[in-house]
Amino acid sequence: MSEPPKVRNYRDLAVWQHGMGITLSVYEVTKSFPADERFGLTSQLRRAAASVPANIAEGHARSSTKDYLRHISIAIGSLAETATFVELAGRLNYGSLEELRRIYELTTEERRMLRALQKSLRRRLPP
């Protein structure tokens, strides 16, 4: 039986790859938001989405598990912010409702992945 592939850097993490996919989808859907939202909801949603994979990468680069966990916690918070802004965009009828629903579903999967990573990291900590 073969071993799972080694994680050489954060780019090898499925949770980071998934987060990047969400971020790209957010950038795409927000292109159609009203121009007067460029510095409002568009900017906030893009920053929140980009913060998820950025914090995963930063946490992975840290030298301690405790620091890594802190960044995963921040990523989870940014993901909740992203999901909230996606829902708000839908309620305001900005962008494609179908695409916003898809992104929201992706955030649910990303949350599961982040929680699993968090649980795994916690097991590494001394009791």
N, C-alpha and C. Protein backbone atom coordinates (compact mmCIF):
# COMPACT_ATOMS: atom_id res chain seq x y z
N MET A 1 0.84 -1.18 0.00
CA MET A 1 0.00 0.00 0.00
C MET A 1 0.89 1.24 0.00
N SER A 2 0.60 2.19 -0.88
CA SER A 2 1.45 3.37 -0.98
C SER A 2 1.04 4.44 0.03
N GLU A 3 2.03 5.22 0.43
CA GLU A 3 1.78 6.30 1.38
C GLU A 3 1.15 7.48 0.66
N PRO A 4 0.40 8.31 1.40
CA PRO A 4 -0.14 9.53 0.77
C PRO A 4 1.02 10.45 0.40
N PRO A 5 0.82 11.31 -0.60
CA PRO A 5 1.91 12.20 -1.02
C PRO A 5 2.35 13.09 0.14
N LYS A 6 3.64 13.35 0.20
CA LYS A 6 4.22 14.21 1.23
C LYS A 6 3.79 15.65 0.99
N VAL A 7 3.55 16.36 2.07
CA VAL A 7 3.25 17.79 1.99
C VAL A 7 4.58 18.53 2.07
N ARG A 8 5.01 19.06 0.94
CA ARG A 8 6.28 19.79 0.90
C ARG A 8 6.09 21.26 1.27
N ASN A 9 4.95 21.82 0.88
CA ASN A 9 4.63 23.19 1.25
C ASN A 9 3.11 23.37 1.24
N TYR A 10 2.66 24.55 1.62
CA TYR A 10 1.23 24.81 1.74
C TYR A 10 0.46 24.55 0.45
N ARG A 11 1.09 24.69 -0.69
CA ARG A 11 0.41 24.48 -1.97
C ARG A 11 -0.02 23.03 -2.16
N ASP A 12 0.60 22.12 -1.43
CA ASP A 12 0.24 20.71 -1.50
C ASP A 12 -1.01 20.39 -0.68
N LEU A 13 -1.45 21.31 0.15
CA LEU A 13 -2.61 21.08 1.03
C LEU A 13 -3.91 21.25 0.25
N ALA A 14 -4.77 20.24 0.29
CA ALA A 14 -6.07 20.32 -0.40
C ALA A 14 -6.90 21.48 0.14
N VAL A 15 -6.78 21.76 1.44
CA VAL A 15 -7.56 22.84 2.04
C VAL A 15 -7.11 24.20 1.49
N TRP A 16 -5.83 24.37 1.21
CA TRP A 16 -5.33 25.61 0.61
C TRP A 16 -5.81 25.71 -0.83
N GLN A 17 -5.72 24.61 -1.58
CA GLN A 17 -6.15 24.60 -2.98
C GLN A 17 -7.63 24.93 -3.09
N HIS A 18 -8.42 24.36 -2.19
CA HIS A 18 -9.87 24.61 -2.18
C HIS A 18 -10.14 26.08 -1.86
N GLY A 19 -9.41 26.61 -0.89
CA GLY A 19 -9.56 28.02 -0.53
C GLY A 19 -9.21 28.95 -1.68
N MET A 20 -8.17 28.59 -2.44
CA MET A 20 -7.81 29.39 -3.61
C MET A 20 -8.92 29.34 -4.66
N GLY A 21 -9.54 28.17 -4.81
CA GLY A 21 -10.65 28.04 -5.76
C GLY A 21 -11.81 28.94 -5.37
N ILE A 22 -12.13 28.99 -4.08
CA ILE A 22 -13.20 29.87 -3.60
C ILE A 22 -12.84 31.32 -3.91
N THR A 23 -11.60 31.69 -3.62
CA THR A 23 -11.15 33.07 -3.85
C THR A 23 -11.28 33.44 -5.33
N LEU A 24 -10.86 32.56 -6.21
CA LEU A 24 -10.99 32.84 -7.65
C LEU A 24 -12.46 32.99 -8.05
N SER A 25 -13.32 32.15 -7.50
CA SER A 25 -14.76 32.25 -7.80
C SER A 25 -15.33 33.57 -7.29
N VAL A 26 -14.89 33.98 -6.10
CA VAL A 26 -15.36 35.26 -5.54
C VAL A 26 -14.92 36.42 -6.44
N TYR A 27 -13.67 36.41 -6.87
CA TYR A 27 -13.20 37.48 -7.76
C TYR A 27 -14.03 37.51 -9.04
N GLU A 28 -14.35 36.35 -9.57
CA GLU A 28 -15.11 36.28 -10.81
C GLU A 28 -16.53 36.82 -10.62
N VAL A 29 -17.22 36.38 -9.58
CA VAL A 29 -18.61 36.79 -9.39
C VAL A 29 -18.70 38.27 -9.04
N THR A 30 -17.72 38.80 -8.34
CA THR A 30 -17.79 40.21 -7.94
C THR A 30 -17.50 41.17 -9.09
N LYS A 31 -17.01 40.66 -10.21
CA LYS A 31 -16.80 41.53 -11.38
C LYS A 31 -18.10 42.17 -11.84
N SER A 32 -19.22 41.48 -11.58
CA SER A 32 -20.52 41.99 -12.04
C SER A 32 -21.26 42.80 -10.97
N PHE A 33 -20.66 42.99 -9.80
CA PHE A 33 -21.30 43.79 -8.75
C PHE A 33 -21.36 45.25 -9.21
N PRO A 34 -22.29 46.02 -8.68
CA PRO A 34 -22.38 47.43 -9.06
C PRO A 34 -21.06 48.18 -8.80
N ALA A 35 -20.75 49.12 -9.66
CA ALA A 35 -19.52 49.89 -9.55
C ALA A 35 -19.42 50.63 -8.22
N ASP A 36 -20.55 51.07 -7.70
CA ASP A 36 -20.50 51.82 -6.43
C ASP A 36 -20.20 50.91 -5.23
N GLU A 37 -20.12 49.61 -5.45
CA GLU A 37 -19.75 48.67 -4.40
C GLU A 37 -18.26 48.30 -4.45
N ARG A 38 -17.53 48.89 -5.39
CA ARG A 38 -16.13 48.53 -5.57
C ARG A 38 -15.32 48.66 -4.27
N PHE A 39 -15.59 49.72 -3.50
CA PHE A 39 -14.86 49.92 -2.25
C PHE A 39 -15.66 49.45 -1.04
N GLY A 40 -16.82 48.86 -1.29
CA GLY A 40 -17.66 48.35 -0.23
C GLY A 40 -17.67 46.83 -0.21
N LEU A 41 -18.80 46.26 -0.56
CA LEU A 41 -18.98 44.82 -0.48
C LEU A 41 -17.99 44.05 -1.37
N THR A 42 -17.72 44.55 -2.56
CA THR A 42 -16.79 43.86 -3.45
C THR A 42 -15.43 43.71 -2.78
N SER A 43 -14.92 44.81 -2.26
CA SER A 43 -13.61 44.80 -1.61
C SER A 43 -13.61 43.91 -0.36
N GLN A 44 -14.63 44.03 0.45
CA GLN A 44 -14.70 43.23 1.69
C GLN A 44 -14.78 41.74 1.40
N LEU A 45 -15.59 41.37 0.42
CA LEU A 45 -15.75 39.96 0.07
C LEU A 45 -14.46 39.40 -0.50
N ARG A 46 -13.81 40.14 -1.35
CA ARG A 46 -12.55 39.67 -1.93
C ARG A 46 -11.47 39.51 -0.86
N ARG A 47 -11.38 40.47 0.04
CA ARG A 47 -10.36 40.41 1.09
C ARG A 47 -10.61 39.25 2.04
N ALA A 48 -11.87 39.04 2.41
CA ALA A 48 -12.21 37.93 3.31
C ALA A 48 -11.87 36.59 2.66
N ALA A 49 -12.25 36.44 1.39
CA ALA A 49 -11.99 35.18 0.69
C ALA A 49 -10.48 34.93 0.55
N ALA A 50 -9.73 35.95 0.17
CA ALA A 50 -8.29 35.80 -0.01
C ALA A 50 -7.57 35.53 1.30
N SER A 51 -8.16 35.98 2.40
CA SER A 51 -7.56 35.78 3.72
C SER A 51 -7.55 34.31 4.13
N VAL A 52 -8.47 33.53 3.61
CA VAL A 52 -8.53 32.11 3.99
C VAL A 52 -7.27 31.36 3.54
N PRO A 53 -6.98 31.29 2.23
CA PRO A 53 -5.76 30.56 1.85
C PRO A 53 -4.49 31.27 2.33
N ALA A 54 -4.53 32.59 2.46
CA ALA A 54 -3.35 33.32 2.93
C ALA A 54 -3.01 32.91 4.37
N ASN A 55 -4.01 32.76 5.21
CA ASN A 55 -3.75 32.35 6.59
C ASN A 55 -3.35 30.89 6.69
N ILE A 56 -3.88 30.06 5.82
CA ILE A 56 -3.45 28.65 5.79
C ILE A 56 -1.96 28.61 5.44
N ALA A 57 -1.57 29.37 4.42
CA ALA A 57 -0.16 29.41 3.99
C ALA A 57 0.73 29.96 5.10
N GLU A 58 0.32 31.05 5.71
CA GLU A 58 1.13 31.65 6.76
C GLU A 58 1.26 30.71 7.95
N GLY A 59 0.17 30.10 8.34
CA GLY A 59 0.20 29.16 9.47
C GLY A 59 1.11 27.99 9.19
N HIS A 60 1.04 27.46 7.97
CA HIS A 60 1.88 26.32 7.60
C HIS A 60 3.35 26.68 7.66
N ALA A 61 3.67 27.93 7.37
CA ALA A 61 5.07 28.38 7.36
C ALA A 61 5.61 28.66 8.77
N ARG A 62 4.74 28.72 9.75
CA ARG A 62 5.18 29.00 11.12
C ARG A 62 5.91 27.80 11.71
N SER A 63 6.75 28.10 12.69
CA SER A 63 7.59 27.04 13.26
C SER A 63 6.89 26.25 14.36
N SER A 64 5.77 26.75 14.87
CA SER A 64 5.11 26.00 15.94
C SER A 64 3.69 25.62 15.57
N THR A 65 3.26 24.49 16.11
CA THR A 65 1.89 24.02 15.88
C THR A 65 0.89 25.01 16.46
N LYS A 66 1.24 25.60 17.59
CA LYS A 66 0.35 26.57 18.24
C LYS A 66 0.11 27.78 17.31
N ASP A 67 1.16 28.28 16.66
CA ASP A 67 1.00 29.38 15.70
C ASP A 67 0.17 28.94 14.50
N TYR A 68 0.42 27.73 14.03
CA TYR A 68 -0.33 27.18 12.90
C TYR A 68 -1.82 27.14 13.24
N LEU A 69 -2.13 26.65 14.43
CA LEU A 69 -3.52 26.58 14.89
C LEU A 69 -4.17 27.97 14.94
N ARG A 70 -3.42 28.94 15.40
CA ARG A 70 -3.95 30.31 15.48
C ARG A 70 -4.32 30.81 14.09
N HIS A 71 -3.48 30.55 13.12
CA HIS A 71 -3.78 30.99 11.75
C HIS A 71 -4.94 30.21 11.13
N ILE A 72 -5.07 28.96 11.49
CA ILE A 72 -6.23 28.19 11.01
C ILE A 72 -7.51 28.76 11.61
N SER A 73 -7.45 29.16 12.86
CA SER A 73 -8.60 29.80 13.51
C SER A 73 -8.97 31.10 12.80
N ILE A 74 -7.97 31.88 12.44
CA ILE A 74 -8.23 33.13 11.70
C ILE A 74 -8.84 32.81 10.34
N ALA A 75 -8.34 31.77 9.67
CA ALA A 75 -8.89 31.36 8.38
C ALA A 75 -10.37 30.97 8.50
N ILE A 76 -10.70 30.27 9.59
CA ILE A 76 -12.10 29.88 9.83
C ILE A 76 -12.97 31.13 10.00
N GLY A 77 -12.45 32.11 10.72
CA GLY A 77 -13.18 33.37 10.89
C GLY A 77 -13.37 34.09 9.57
N SER A 78 -12.33 34.15 8.76
CA SER A 78 -12.42 34.80 7.45
C SER A 78 -13.39 34.06 6.54
N LEU A 79 -13.44 32.75 6.68
CA LEU A 79 -14.38 31.96 5.88
C LEU A 79 -15.82 32.27 6.28
N ALA A 80 -16.07 32.43 7.58
CA ALA A 80 -17.41 32.81 8.04
C ALA A 80 -17.79 34.19 7.51
N GLU A 81 -16.82 35.09 7.49
CA GLU A 81 -17.03 36.42 6.94
C GLU A 81 -17.36 36.32 5.44
N THR A 82 -16.62 35.49 4.73
CA THR A 82 -16.87 35.29 3.30
C THR A 82 -18.29 34.78 3.06
N ALA A 83 -18.68 33.77 3.82
CA ALA A 83 -20.03 33.19 3.66
C ALA A 83 -21.11 34.24 3.95
N THR A 84 -20.88 35.07 4.94
CA THR A 84 -21.84 36.13 5.29
C THR A 84 -21.96 37.14 4.16
N PHE A 85 -20.83 37.57 3.60
CA PHE A 85 -20.85 38.53 2.50
C PHE A 85 -21.48 37.93 1.25
N VAL A 86 -21.26 36.64 1.01
CA VAL A 86 -21.88 35.97 -0.13
C VAL A 86 -23.40 35.97 0.05
N GLU A 87 -23.85 35.67 1.25
CA GLU A 87 -25.30 35.70 1.51
C GLU A 87 -25.86 37.11 1.35
N LEU A 88 -25.14 38.10 1.84
CA LEU A 88 -25.58 39.49 1.69
C LEU A 88 -25.68 39.87 0.23
N ALA A 89 -24.68 39.49 -0.57
CA ALA A 89 -24.70 39.79 -2.00
C ALA A 89 -25.95 39.18 -2.65
N GLY A 90 -26.28 37.96 -2.26
CA GLY A 90 -27.47 37.32 -2.80
C GLY A 90 -28.74 38.06 -2.42
N ARG A 91 -28.81 38.50 -1.16
CA ARG A 91 -30.00 39.24 -0.71
C ARG A 91 -30.13 40.59 -1.41
N LEU A 92 -28.99 41.15 -1.81
CA LEU A 92 -29.00 42.43 -2.53
C LEU A 92 -29.15 42.24 -4.04
N ASN A 93 -29.26 40.98 -4.47
CA ASN A 93 -29.37 40.64 -5.90
C ASN A 93 -28.17 41.10 -6.71
N TYR A 94 -26.99 40.96 -6.12
CA TYR A 94 -25.75 41.26 -6.83
C TYR A 94 -25.20 39.95 -7.38
N GLY A 95 -24.71 39.99 -8.60
CA GLY A 95 -24.09 38.81 -9.18
C GLY A 95 -25.10 37.73 -9.51
N SER A 96 -24.56 36.60 -9.92
CA SER A 96 -25.38 35.45 -10.28
C SER A 96 -25.78 34.69 -9.02
N LEU A 97 -27.07 34.57 -8.79
CA LEU A 97 -27.56 33.86 -7.61
C LEU A 97 -27.07 32.41 -7.61
N GLU A 98 -27.05 31.80 -8.78
CA GLU A 98 -26.58 30.42 -8.90
C GLU A 98 -25.09 30.32 -8.49
N GLU A 99 -24.29 31.25 -8.96
CA GLU A 99 -22.87 31.24 -8.63
C GLU A 99 -22.65 31.54 -7.15
N LEU A 100 -23.42 32.45 -6.59
CA LEU A 100 -23.31 32.76 -5.16
C LEU A 100 -23.68 31.54 -4.31
N ARG A 101 -24.70 30.81 -4.72
CA ARG A 101 -25.08 29.58 -4.00
C ARG A 101 -23.96 28.55 -4.06
N ARG A 102 -23.34 28.43 -5.23
CA ARG A 102 -22.24 27.49 -5.40
C ARG A 102 -21.07 27.87 -4.49
N ILE A 103 -20.75 29.15 -4.44
CA ILE A 103 -19.66 29.61 -3.59
C ILE A 103 -20.00 29.34 -2.12
N TYR A 104 -21.23 29.60 -1.74
CA TYR A 104 -21.64 29.34 -0.36
C TYR A 104 -21.46 27.86 -0.01
N GLU A 105 -21.84 26.98 -0.93
CA GLU A 105 -21.66 25.54 -0.71
C GLU A 105 -20.18 25.19 -0.59
N LEU A 106 -19.35 25.85 -1.39
CA LEU A 106 -17.90 25.62 -1.30
C LEU A 106 -17.36 26.05 0.06
N THR A 107 -17.92 27.12 0.62
CA THR A 107 -17.46 27.56 1.95
C THR A 107 -17.82 26.53 3.01
N THR A 108 -18.93 25.85 2.84
CA THR A 108 -19.33 24.80 3.79
C THR A 108 -18.31 23.66 3.75
N GLU A 109 -17.90 23.27 2.56
CA GLU A 109 -16.90 22.20 2.42
C GLU A 109 -15.55 22.66 2.97
N GLU A 110 -15.18 23.89 2.70
CA GLU A 110 -13.91 24.43 3.20
C GLU A 110 -13.91 24.46 4.73
N ARG A 111 -15.04 24.79 5.32
CA ARG A 111 -15.14 24.82 6.79
C ARG A 111 -14.89 23.43 7.36
N ARG A 112 -15.46 22.40 6.74
CA ARG A 112 -15.22 21.02 7.18
C ARG A 112 -13.74 20.66 7.09
N MET A 113 -13.12 21.06 6.00
CA MET A 113 -11.70 20.76 5.80
C MET A 113 -10.84 21.49 6.83
N LEU A 114 -11.16 22.74 7.09
CA LEU A 114 -10.39 23.51 8.09
C LEU A 114 -10.57 22.93 9.49
N ARG A 115 -11.78 22.52 9.83
CA ARG A 115 -12.03 21.92 11.14
C ARG A 115 -11.26 20.60 11.28
N ALA A 116 -11.19 19.82 10.22
CA ALA A 116 -10.44 18.56 10.25
C ALA A 116 -8.95 18.85 10.44
N LEU A 117 -8.43 19.85 9.75
CA LEU A 117 -7.03 20.23 9.91
C LEU A 117 -6.78 20.71 11.34
N GLN A 118 -7.69 21.51 11.84
CA GLN A 118 -7.58 22.03 13.21
C GLN A 118 -7.52 20.87 14.22
N LYS A 119 -8.39 19.91 14.04
CA LYS A 119 -8.43 18.75 14.94
C LYS A 119 -7.12 17.96 14.87
N SER A 120 -6.62 17.78 13.66
CA SER A 120 -5.37 17.06 13.47
C SER A 120 -4.20 17.80 14.14
N LEU A 121 -4.17 19.10 13.99
CA LEU A 121 -3.10 19.90 14.60
C LEU A 121 -3.19 19.87 16.12
N ARG A 122 -4.39 19.90 16.65
CA ARG A 122 -4.56 19.86 18.11
C ARG A 122 -4.02 18.57 18.70
N ARG A 123 -4.11 17.48 17.94
CA ARG A 123 -3.60 16.20 18.40
C ARG A 123 -2.07 16.21 18.56
N ARG A 124 -1.43 17.12 17.84
CA ARG A 124 0.04 17.23 17.91
C ARG A 124 0.51 17.95 19.18
N LEU A 125 -0.40 18.72 19.78
CA LEU A 125 -0.02 19.48 20.97
C LEU A 125 0.12 18.57 22.18
N PRO A 126 1.04 18.92 23.06
CA PRO A 126 1.16 18.12 24.29
C PRO A 126 -0.10 18.29 25.15
N PRO A 127 -0.46 17.25 25.90
CA PRO A 127 -1.69 17.32 26.73
C PRO A 127 -1.60 18.36 27.84
